[in-house]
Amino acid sequence: MSFLGKEYVLEKQENYNEFMETLGETVSEKKRKEVMDFKARNKVTKNGDEYTLSVTVVEGFTHEITFKSGVPFDEKIREHTSKSVITVEGDTLTHIQKFGDIVTFTHKRVYSGDTMVLTTTSSNWNGEAKRYFKAV
């Protein structure tokens, strides 16, 4: 788990705009552009058996999640709440967000050396979005 405590910054992305378009009216075109243009940041820390995942997708807003691996929790995202679970297995974090019967997102972060690849899928989309990060 050499990724713990390191901050990873976005370098490039594939199909992320297409993924964001599947969110429909919940994310405005202006907000999608802001997310696409920003150099997103990810960081994972550990304290005992708890992890904290910090994700900054736009300037001035960081979403922090404190969790125990494999233990379900309610995750508040803006005005929505998902039933979430994050599993840590070696150098891989798998984050599943279920918004009732509406949609399920899976975010898989795979760390290797100073890089991290975030792969995002959705139950409402047949595609796969990838974001590539590098430790700073």
C-alpha atoms as a PDB file:
ATOM      1  CA  MET A   1       0.000   0.000   0.000  1.00  0.00           C
ATOM      2  CA  SER A   2       2.684   2.427  -1.046  1.00  0.00           C
ATOM      3  CA  PHE A   3      -0.021   4.828  -2.260  1.00  0.00           C
ATOM      4  CA  LEU A   4      -1.135   5.769   1.278  1.00  0.00           C
ATOM      5  CA  GLY A   5      -0.495   9.425   2.066  1.00  0.00           C
ATOM      6  CA  LYS A   6       0.469  10.326  -1.514  1.00  0.00           C
ATOM      7  CA  GLU A   7      -1.473  12.877  -3.505  1.00  0.00           C
ATOM      8  CA  TYR A   8      -2.250  11.935  -7.108  1.00  0.00           C
ATOM      9  CA  VAL A   9      -3.041  14.572  -9.743  1.00  0.00           C
ATOM     10  CA  LEU A  10      -4.955  14.007 -12.981  1.00  0.00           C
ATOM     11  CA  GLU A  11      -2.821  13.843 -16.125  1.00  0.00           C
ATOM     12  CA  LYS A  12      -5.255  12.654 -18.821  1.00  0.00           C
ATOM     13  CA  GLN A  13      -8.653  11.066 -19.279  1.00  0.00           C
ATOM     14  CA  GLU A  14     -10.613   8.890 -21.693  1.00  0.00           C
ATOM     15  CA  ASN A  15     -14.410   8.907 -22.143  1.00  0.00           C
ATOM     16  CA  TYR A  16     -14.920  10.920 -18.949  1.00  0.00           C
ATOM     17  CA  ASN A  17     -17.047  13.560 -20.658  1.00  0.00           C
ATOM     18  CA  GLU A  18     -19.207  10.775 -22.115  1.00  0.00           C
ATOM     19  CA  PHE A  19     -19.637   9.345 -18.618  1.00  0.00           C
ATOM     20  CA  MET A  20     -20.558  12.779 -17.234  1.00  0.00           C
ATOM     21  CA  GLU A  21     -23.179  13.191 -19.976  1.00  0.00           C
ATOM     22  CA  THR A  22     -24.940  10.073 -18.606  1.00  0.00           C
ATOM     23  CA  LEU A  23     -25.583  12.020 -15.391  1.00  0.00           C
ATOM     24  CA  GLY A  24     -28.089  14.125 -17.307  1.00  0.00           C
ATOM     25  CA  GLU A  25     -29.517  17.211 -15.663  1.00  0.00           C
ATOM     26  CA  THR A  26     -27.964  16.412 -12.273  1.00  0.00           C
ATOM     27  CA  VAL A  27     -24.730  17.971 -13.598  1.00  0.00           C
ATOM     28  CA  SER A  28     -24.983  21.111 -15.736  1.00  0.00           C
ATOM     29  CA  GLU A  29     -22.919  21.569 -18.880  1.00  0.00           C
ATOM     30  CA  LYS A  30     -21.002  24.345 -17.115  1.00  0.00           C
ATOM     31  CA  LYS A  31     -20.153  22.035 -14.180  1.00  0.00           C
ATOM     32  CA  ARG A  32     -19.116  19.218 -16.561  1.00  0.00           C
ATOM     33  CA  LYS A  33     -16.719  21.600 -18.311  1.00  0.00           C
ATOM     34  CA  GLU A  34     -15.329  22.749 -14.962  1.00  0.00           C
ATOM     35  CA  VAL A  35     -14.731  19.131 -13.899  1.00  0.00           C
ATOM     36  CA  MET A  36     -13.169  18.224 -17.248  1.00  0.00           C
ATOM     37  CA  ASP A  37     -10.787  21.213 -17.175  1.00  0.00           C
ATOM     38  CA  PHE A  38      -9.672  20.846 -13.537  1.00  0.00           C
ATOM     39  CA  LYS A  39      -6.629  18.774 -12.549  1.00  0.00           C
ATOM     40  CA  ALA A  40      -8.483  16.495 -10.107  1.00  0.00           C
ATOM     41  CA  ARG A  41      -6.668  15.211  -7.023  1.00  0.00           C
ATOM     42  CA  ASN A  42      -6.977  11.972  -5.023  1.00  0.00           C
ATOM     43  CA  LYS A  43      -5.384  10.994  -1.727  1.00  0.00           C
ATOM     44  CA  VAL A  44      -5.901   8.030   0.608  1.00  0.00           C
ATOM     45  CA  THR A  45      -4.754   7.960   4.227  1.00  0.00           C
ATOM     46  CA  LYS A  46      -5.133   5.308   6.915  1.00  0.00           C
ATOM     47  CA  ASN A  47      -5.637   5.578  10.668  1.00  0.00           C
ATOM     48  CA  GLY A  48      -5.951   2.188  12.390  1.00  0.00           C
ATOM     49  CA  ASP A  49      -8.575   0.220  10.459  1.00  0.00           C
ATOM     50  CA  GLU A  50     -10.148   3.338   8.926  1.00  0.00           C
ATOM     51  CA  TYR A  51      -9.243   4.931   5.607  1.00  0.00           C
ATOM     52  CA  THR A  52      -9.992   8.430   4.369  1.00  0.00           C
ATOM     53  CA  LEU A  53     -10.383   9.037   0.638  1.00  0.00           C
ATOM     54  CA  SER A  54     -10.079  12.703  -0.343  1.00  0.00           C
ATOM     55  CA  VAL A  55     -11.201  13.604  -3.856  1.00  0.00           C
ATOM     56  CA  THR A  56     -10.983  17.126  -5.273  1.00  0.00           C
ATOM     57  CA  VAL A  57     -12.776  17.367  -8.639  1.00  0.00           C
ATOM     58  CA  VAL A  58     -13.220  21.147  -8.835  1.00  0.00           C
ATOM     59  CA  GLU A  59     -11.344  24.070  -7.288  1.00  0.00           C
ATOM     60  CA  GLY A  60     -12.409  24.673  -3.703  1.00  0.00           C
ATOM     61  CA  PHE A  61     -14.412  21.446  -3.166  1.00  0.00           C
ATOM     62  CA  THR A  62     -12.977  18.271  -1.670  1.00  0.00           C
ATOM     63  CA  HIS A  63     -15.210  15.250  -1.005  1.00  0.00           C
ATOM     64  CA  GLU A  64     -13.834  13.287   1.963  1.00  0.00           C
ATOM     65  CA  ILE A  65     -15.014   9.799   2.822  1.00  0.00           C
ATOM     66  CA  THR A  66     -13.903   7.966   5.959  1.00  0.00           C
ATOM     67  CA  PHE A  67     -14.610   4.233   5.740  1.00  0.00           C
ATOM     68  CA  LYS A  68     -13.635   0.741   6.794  1.00  0.00           C
ATOM     69  CA  SER A  69     -12.775  -1.649   3.974  1.00  0.00           C
ATOM     70  CA  GLY A  70     -15.775  -3.735   2.956  1.00  0.00           C
ATOM     71  CA  VAL A  71     -18.198  -2.087   5.409  1.00  0.00           C
ATOM     72  CA  PRO A  72     -21.287  -0.466   3.778  1.00  0.00           C
ATOM     73  CA  PHE A  73     -22.085   3.178   4.629  1.00  0.00           C
ATOM     74  CA  ASP A  74     -24.373   6.023   3.546  1.00  0.00           C
ATOM     75  CA  GLU A  75     -22.499   8.494   1.346  1.00  0.00           C
ATOM     76  CA  LYS A  76     -23.822  12.031   0.913  1.00  0.00           C
ATOM     77  CA  ILE A  77     -23.053  13.547  -2.503  1.00  0.00           C
ATOM     78  CA  ARG A  78     -24.547  17.014  -2.845  1.00  0.00           C
ATOM     79  CA  GLU A  79     -28.282  16.492  -2.273  1.00  0.00           C
ATOM     80  CA  HIS A  80     -28.162  12.738  -2.989  1.00  0.00           C
ATOM     81  CA  THR A  81     -27.307   9.781  -0.761  1.00  0.00           C
ATOM     82  CA  SER A  82     -25.912   6.481  -1.987  1.00  0.00           C
ATOM     83  CA  LYS A  83     -25.473   3.141  -0.278  1.00  0.00           C
ATOM     84  CA  SER A  84     -21.727   2.766  -0.719  1.00  0.00           C
ATOM     85  CA  VAL A  85     -18.951   0.328   0.024  1.00  0.00           C
ATOM     86  CA  ILE A  86     -15.218   0.684  -0.591  1.00  0.00           C
ATOM     87  CA  THR A  87     -13.008  -2.375  -0.580  1.00  0.00           C
ATOM     88  CA  VAL A  88      -9.230  -2.129  -0.257  1.00  0.00           C
ATOM     89  CA  GLU A  89      -7.370  -5.113  -1.701  1.00  0.00           C
ATOM     90  CA  GLY A  90      -3.625  -4.577  -1.968  1.00  0.00           C
ATOM     91  CA  ASP A  91      -3.085  -1.656  -4.343  1.00  0.00           C
ATOM     92  CA  THR A  92      -6.719  -1.540  -5.537  1.00  0.00           C
ATOM     93  CA  LEU A  93      -9.665   0.420  -4.114  1.00  0.00           C
ATOM     94  CA  THR A  94     -13.098  -0.529  -5.463  1.00  0.00           C
ATOM     95  CA  HIS A  95     -15.798   2.031  -4.628  1.00  0.00           C
ATOM     96  CA  ILE A  96     -19.418   1.072  -5.374  1.00  0.00           C
ATOM     97  CA  GLN A  97     -22.189   3.668  -5.082  1.00  0.00           C
ATOM     98  CA  LYS A  98     -25.826   2.508  -5.322  1.00  0.00           C
ATOM     99  CA  PHE A  99     -28.504   5.152  -5.715  1.00  0.00           C
ATOM    100  CA  GLY A 100     -31.492   2.906  -5.048  1.00  0.00           C
ATOM    101  CA  ASP A 101     -32.901   1.336  -8.210  1.00  0.00           C
ATOM    102  CA  ILE A 102     -31.820   4.368 -10.265  1.00  0.00           C
ATOM    103  CA  VAL A 103     -28.110   3.818 -10.933  1.00  0.00           C
ATOM    104  CA  THR A 104     -24.975   2.111  -9.614  1.00  0.00           C
ATOM    105  CA  PHE A 105     -21.486   3.531 -10.181  1.00  0.00           C
ATOM    106  CA  THR A 106     -18.257   1.570  -9.761  1.00  0.00           C
ATOM    107  CA  HIS A 107     -14.984   3.470  -9.372  1.00  0.00           C
ATOM    108  CA  LYS A 108     -11.898   1.261  -9.384  1.00  0.00           C
ATOM    109  CA  ARG A 109      -8.582   2.866  -8.424  1.00  0.00           C
ATOM    110  CA  VAL A 110      -5.506   0.796  -9.276  1.00  0.00           C
ATOM    111  CA  TYR A 111      -2.185   2.075  -7.924  1.00  0.00           C
ATOM    112  CA  SER A 112       1.172   1.088  -9.404  1.00  0.00           C
ATOM    113  CA  GLY A 113       4.333   2.894  -8.355  1.00  0.00           C
ATOM    114  CA  ASP A 114       3.667   6.615  -8.800  1.00  0.00           C
ATOM    115  CA  THR A 115       0.597   6.179 -11.012  1.00  0.00           C
ATOM    116  CA  MET A 116      -3.072   5.530 -10.405  1.00  0.00           C
ATOM    117  CA  VAL A 117      -5.724   4.633 -12.975  1.00  0.00           C
ATOM    118  CA  LEU A 118      -9.335   5.329 -12.043  1.00  0.00           C
ATOM    119  CA  THR A 119     -11.848   3.336 -14.100  1.00  0.00           C
ATOM    120  CA  THR A 120     -15.502   4.352 -13.774  1.00  0.00           C
ATOM    121  CA  THR A 121     -18.527   2.386 -14.989  1.00  0.00           C
ATOM    122  CA  SER A 122     -22.255   2.925 -14.596  1.00  0.00           C
ATOM    123  CA  SER A 123     -25.277   0.635 -14.695  1.00  0.00           C
ATOM    124  CA  ASN A 124     -26.869   3.205 -17.079  1.00  0.00           C
ATOM    125  CA  TRP A 125     -23.992   3.236 -19.573  1.00  0.00           C
ATOM    126  CA  ASN A 126     -22.202   0.576 -21.597  1.00  0.00           C
ATOM    127  CA  GLY A 127     -18.953   2.562 -21.681  1.00  0.00           C
ATOM    128  CA  GLU A 128     -15.929   2.846 -19.456  1.00  0.00           C
ATOM    129  CA  ALA A 129     -14.243   6.096 -18.416  1.00  0.00           C
ATOM    130  CA  LYS A 130     -10.604   6.211 -17.396  1.00  0.00           C
ATOM    131  CA  ARG A 131      -8.679   8.920 -15.600  1.00  0.00           C
ATOM    132  CA  TYR A 132      -4.889   8.686 -15.264  1.00  0.00           C
ATOM    133  CA  PHE A 133      -3.137  10.197 -12.234  1.00  0.00           C
ATOM    134  CA  LYS A 134       0.477  10.698 -11.176  1.00  0.00           C
ATOM    135  CA  ALA A 135       1.829  11.165  -7.635  1.00  0.00           C
ATOM    136  CA  VAL A 136       3.186  14.616  -6.841  1.00  0.00           C
END
